[in-house]
PDB file of N, CA and C in Angstrom:
ATOM      1  N   MET A   1      -8.057  22.091  -7.454  1.00  0.00           N
ATOM      2  CA  MET A   1      -8.759  22.165  -6.142  1.00  0.00           C
ATOM      3  C   MET A   1      -7.829  22.119  -5.128  1.00  0.00           C
ATOM      4  N   ILE A   2      -6.946  22.696  -4.269  1.00  0.00           N
ATOM      5  CA  ILE A   2      -6.641  22.519  -2.474  1.00  0.00           C
ATOM      6  C   ILE A   2      -7.786  21.362  -1.918  1.00  0.00           C
ATOM      7  N   SER A   3      -8.898  21.626  -1.940  1.00  0.00           N
ATOM      8  CA  SER A   3      -9.943  20.855  -1.210  1.00  0.00           C
ATOM      9  C   SER A   3     -10.277  19.388  -2.105  1.00  0.00           C
ATOM     10  N   ASP A   4      -9.110  18.936  -2.806  1.00  0.00           N
ATOM     11  CA  ASP A   4      -9.743  17.835  -3.783  1.00  0.00           C
ATOM     12  C   ASP A   4      -7.758  16.849  -3.089  1.00  0.00           C
ATOM     13  N   ILE A   5      -7.798  17.086  -2.461  1.00  0.00           N
ATOM     14  CA  ILE A   5      -6.449  16.361  -2.098  1.00  0.00           C
ATOM     15  C   ILE A   5      -6.554  15.509  -0.855  1.00  0.00           C
ATOM     16  N   LYS A   6      -6.349  14.631  -0.666  1.00  0.00           N
ATOM     17  CA  LYS A   6      -6.667  13.267  -0.022  1.00  0.00           C
ATOM     18  C   LYS A   6      -5.769  12.766   0.888  1.00  0.00           C
ATOM     19  N   LEU A   7      -5.151  12.985   1.915  1.00  0.00           N
ATOM     20  CA  LEU A   7      -4.752  12.032   2.332  1.00  0.00           C
ATOM     21  C   LEU A   7      -4.738  10.628   2.980  1.00  0.00           C
ATOM     22  N   ARG A   8      -3.288   9.783   3.038  1.00  0.00           N
ATOM     23  CA  ARG A   8      -3.936   8.299   3.573  1.00  0.00           C
ATOM     24  C   ARG A   8      -2.587   7.645   4.344  1.00  0.00           C
ATOM     25  N   THR A   9      -2.355   7.202   4.274  1.00  0.00           N
ATOM     26  CA  THR A   9      -0.917   6.238   4.732  1.00  0.00           C
ATOM     27  C   THR A   9      -1.205   5.351   3.418  1.00  0.00           C
ATOM     28  N   ALA A  10       0.380   5.426   3.456  1.00  0.00           N
ATOM     29  CA  ALA A  10       0.718   4.422   2.160  1.00  0.00           C
ATOM     30  C   ALA A  10       0.416   3.212   2.476  1.00  0.00           C
ATOM     31  N   ARG A  11       0.358   2.294   0.952  1.00  0.00           N
ATOM     32  CA  ARG A  11       0.190   0.816   1.121  1.00  0.00           C
ATOM     33  C   ARG A  11       1.443   0.023   0.336  1.00  0.00           C
ATOM     34  N   THR A  12       1.615  -0.641  -0.018  1.00  0.00           N
ATOM     35  CA  THR A  12       2.090  -1.400  -0.549  1.00  0.00           C
ATOM     36  C   THR A  12       2.864  -1.170  -2.123  1.00  0.00           C
ATOM     37  N   GLU A  13       1.286  -1.721  -1.749  1.00  0.00           N
ATOM     38  CA  GLU A  13       0.559  -1.087  -3.733  1.00  0.00           C
ATOM     39  C   GLU A  13       1.747  -0.025  -4.100  1.00  0.00           C
ATOM     40  N   ASP A  14       2.475   1.354  -2.889  1.00  0.00           N
ATOM     41  CA  ASP A  14       2.123   2.503  -3.426  1.00  0.00           C
ATOM     42  C   ASP A  14       3.634   2.474  -4.177  1.00  0.00           C
ATOM     43  N   ALA A  15       4.658   1.593  -3.868  1.00  0.00           N
ATOM     44  CA  ALA A  15       5.455   0.950  -3.768  1.00  0.00           C
ATOM     45  C   ALA A  15       6.859   1.817  -4.987  1.00  0.00           C
ATOM     46  N   GLU A  16       6.246   1.584  -5.753  1.00  0.00           N
ATOM     47  CA  GLU A  16       6.746   1.765  -7.411  1.00  0.00           C
ATOM     48  C   GLU A  16       7.021   3.258  -7.717  1.00  0.00           C
ATOM     49  N   LYS A  17       5.604   4.235  -7.227  1.00  0.00           N
ATOM     50  CA  LYS A  17       5.982   5.001  -7.023  1.00  0.00           C
ATOM     51  C   LYS A  17       5.803   6.006  -6.079  1.00  0.00           C
ATOM     52  N   LEU A  18       6.258   5.887  -4.889  1.00  0.00           N
ATOM     53  CA  LEU A  18       7.003   5.513  -4.026  1.00  0.00           C
ATOM     54  C   LEU A  18       8.390   6.808  -4.075  1.00  0.00           C
ATOM     55  N   LEU A  19       9.617   5.408  -4.963  1.00  0.00           N
ATOM     56  CA  LEU A  19      10.190   4.773  -5.239  1.00  0.00           C
ATOM     57  C   LEU A  19      10.636   6.250  -6.356  1.00  0.00           C
ATOM     58  N   GLU A  20       9.495   6.790  -7.455  1.00  0.00           N
ATOM     59  CA  GLU A  20      10.138   7.408  -8.323  1.00  0.00           C
ATOM     60  C   GLU A  20       9.915   8.529  -7.868  1.00  0.00           C
ATOM     61  N   ILE A  21       9.296   9.231  -6.634  1.00  0.00           N
ATOM     62  CA  ILE A  21       9.629  10.236  -6.116  1.00  0.00           C
ATOM     63  C   ILE A  21      10.717  10.410  -5.025  1.00  0.00           C
ATOM     64  N   TYR A  22      11.050   9.527  -4.683  1.00  0.00           N
ATOM     65  CA  TYR A  22      12.186   9.631  -3.783  1.00  0.00           C
ATOM     66  C   TYR A  22      13.925   9.203  -4.564  1.00  0.00           C
ATOM     67  N   ARG A  23      13.516   8.651  -5.406  1.00  0.00           N
ATOM     68  CA  ARG A  23      14.762   8.565  -6.321  1.00  0.00           C
ATOM     69  C   ARG A  23      15.783   9.972  -6.531  1.00  0.00           C
ATOM     70  N   PRO A  24      15.303  10.883  -6.998  1.00  0.00           N
ATOM     71  CA  PRO A  24      15.912  12.200  -7.745  1.00  0.00           C
ATOM     72  C   PRO A  24      17.030  13.252  -6.472  1.00  0.00           C
ATOM     73  N   TYR A  25      16.345  12.706  -4.815  1.00  0.00           N
ATOM     74  CA  TYR A  25      16.306  13.184  -3.738  1.00  0.00           C
ATOM     75  C   TYR A  25      17.637  12.334  -3.444  1.00  0.00           C
ATOM     76  N   VAL A  26      17.777  10.988  -3.925  1.00  0.00           N
ATOM     77  CA  VAL A  26      18.826  10.278  -3.252  1.00  0.00           C
ATOM     78  C   VAL A  26      19.703  10.378  -4.302  1.00  0.00           C
ATOM     79  N   GLU A  27      19.469  10.951  -5.620  1.00  0.00           N
ATOM     80  CA  GLU A  27      20.437  10.579  -6.891  1.00  0.00           C
ATOM     81  C   GLU A  27      21.062  11.920  -6.664  1.00  0.00           C
ATOM     82  N   LYS A  28      20.424  12.603  -6.317  1.00  0.00           N
ATOM     83  CA  LYS A  28      20.561  14.885  -6.507  1.00  0.00           C
ATOM     84  C   LYS A  28      21.161  15.607  -6.000  1.00  0.00           C
ATOM     85  N   THR A  29      20.658  15.250  -4.444  1.00  0.00           N
ATOM     86  CA  THR A  29      20.585  15.912  -3.275  1.00  0.00           C
ATOM     87  C   THR A  29      21.677  15.100  -1.587  1.00  0.00           C
ATOM     88  N   ALA A  30      21.673  16.358  -0.746  1.00  0.00           N
ATOM     89  CA  ALA A  30      22.029  15.602   0.391  1.00  0.00           C
ATOM     90  C   ALA A  30      20.977  15.493   1.039  1.00  0.00           C
ATOM     91  N   ILE A  31      19.614  15.672   0.493  1.00  0.00           N
ATOM     92  CA  ILE A  31      18.429  15.102   1.595  1.00  0.00           C
ATOM     93  C   ILE A  31      18.628  14.124   2.108  1.00  0.00           C
ATOM     94  N   SER A  32      18.760  12.780   1.747  1.00  0.00           N
ATOM     95  CA  SER A  32      18.647  11.145   1.913  1.00  0.00           C
ATOM     96  C   SER A  32      20.019  11.200   2.570  1.00  0.00           C
ATOM     97  N   PHE A  33      20.093  10.680   3.506  1.00  0.00           N
ATOM     98  CA  PHE A  33      21.110   9.164   3.888  1.00  0.00           C
ATOM     99  C   PHE A  33      21.579   7.855   3.335  1.00  0.00           C
ATOM    100  N   GLU A  34      20.825   8.258   2.046  1.00  0.00           N
ATOM    101  CA  GLU A  34      21.658   6.935   1.695  1.00  0.00           C
ATOM    102  C   GLU A  34      22.038   7.859   0.322  1.00  0.00           C
ATOM    103  N   TYR A  35      23.214   6.403  -0.621  1.00  0.00           N
ATOM    104  CA  TYR A  35      23.855   6.877  -1.230  1.00  0.00           C
ATOM    105  C   TYR A  35      23.122   6.426  -2.470  1.00  0.00           C
ATOM    106  N   GLU A  36      22.665   5.001  -1.883  1.00  0.00           N
ATOM    107  CA  GLU A  36      22.148   4.541  -3.760  1.00  0.00           C
ATOM    108  C   GLU A  36      20.544   4.223  -3.435  1.00  0.00           C
ATOM    109  N   VAL A  37      20.010   4.890  -4.824  1.00  0.00           N
ATOM    110  CA  VAL A  37      18.378   4.354  -4.721  1.00  0.00           C
ATOM    111  C   VAL A  37      18.171   2.741  -4.348  1.00  0.00           C
ATOM    112  N   PRO A  38      17.172   2.644  -3.845  1.00  0.00           N
ATOM    113  CA  PRO A  38      16.772   1.277  -3.871  1.00  0.00           C
ATOM    114  C   PRO A  38      16.495   1.443  -4.896  1.00  0.00           C
ATOM    115  N   TYR A  39      16.907  -0.250  -5.173  1.00  0.00           N
ATOM    116  CA  TYR A  39      17.040  -0.774  -7.036  1.00  0.00           C
ATOM    117  C   TYR A  39      15.497  -1.430  -7.013  1.00  0.00           C
ATOM    118  N   SER A  40      14.339  -1.398  -6.373  1.00  0.00           N
ATOM    119  CA  SER A  40      12.735  -1.485  -6.724  1.00  0.00           C
ATOM    120  C   SER A  40      12.226  -1.488  -5.562  1.00  0.00           C
ATOM    121  N   GLY A  41      10.920  -1.279  -6.385  1.00  0.00           N
ATOM    122  CA  GLY A  41       9.604  -1.080  -5.295  1.00  0.00           C
ATOM    123  C   GLY A  41      10.029  -2.667  -4.235  1.00  0.00           C
ATOM    124  N   SER A  42      10.150  -3.319  -4.263  1.00  0.00           N
ATOM    125  CA  SER A  42      10.013  -4.389  -2.825  1.00  0.00           C
ATOM    126  C   SER A  42      11.202  -4.055  -2.095  1.00  0.00           C
ATOM    127  N   VAL A  43      11.572  -3.526  -2.195  1.00  0.00           N
ATOM    128  CA  VAL A  43      12.563  -3.310  -1.073  1.00  0.00           C
ATOM    129  C   VAL A  43      12.120  -2.033  -0.198  1.00  0.00           C
ATOM    130  N   VAL A  44      11.523  -1.101  -1.402  1.00  0.00           N
ATOM    131  CA  VAL A  44      10.593  -0.556  -1.098  1.00  0.00           C
ATOM    132  C   VAL A  44       9.460   0.270   0.107  1.00  0.00           C
ATOM    133  N   LYS A  45       8.645  -1.334  -0.407  1.00  0.00           N
ATOM    134  CA  LYS A  45       7.622  -2.122   0.275  1.00  0.00           C
ATOM    135  C   LYS A  45       8.572  -2.311   1.951  1.00  0.00           C
ATOM    136  N   THR A  46       9.141  -3.306   2.442  1.00  0.00           N
ATOM    137  CA  THR A  46      10.123  -3.277   3.402  1.00  0.00           C
ATOM    138  C   THR A  46       9.395  -1.923   4.800  1.00  0.00           C
ATOM    139  N   LYS A  47       9.157  -0.724   4.111  1.00  0.00           N
ATOM    140  CA  LYS A  47      10.344   0.361   4.787  1.00  0.00           C
ATOM    141  C   LYS A  47       8.460   0.671   5.014  1.00  0.00           C
ATOM    142  N   ILE A  48       7.681   0.378   3.881  1.00  0.00           N
ATOM    143  CA  ILE A  48       6.108   0.454   4.427  1.00  0.00           C
ATOM    144  C   ILE A  48       5.796  -0.609   5.956  1.00  0.00           C
TER     145      ILE A  48
END
């Protein structure tokens, strides 16, 4: 149900899951300015 959704600021421990969400946009669309997917969650952590 919509009322069960809660937003919060991303945390460094979210990096791997965020990478899973981001990967298809880099690989299959022109939406991202990146040409290669960040190779690990540790790279994503630096952006959080």
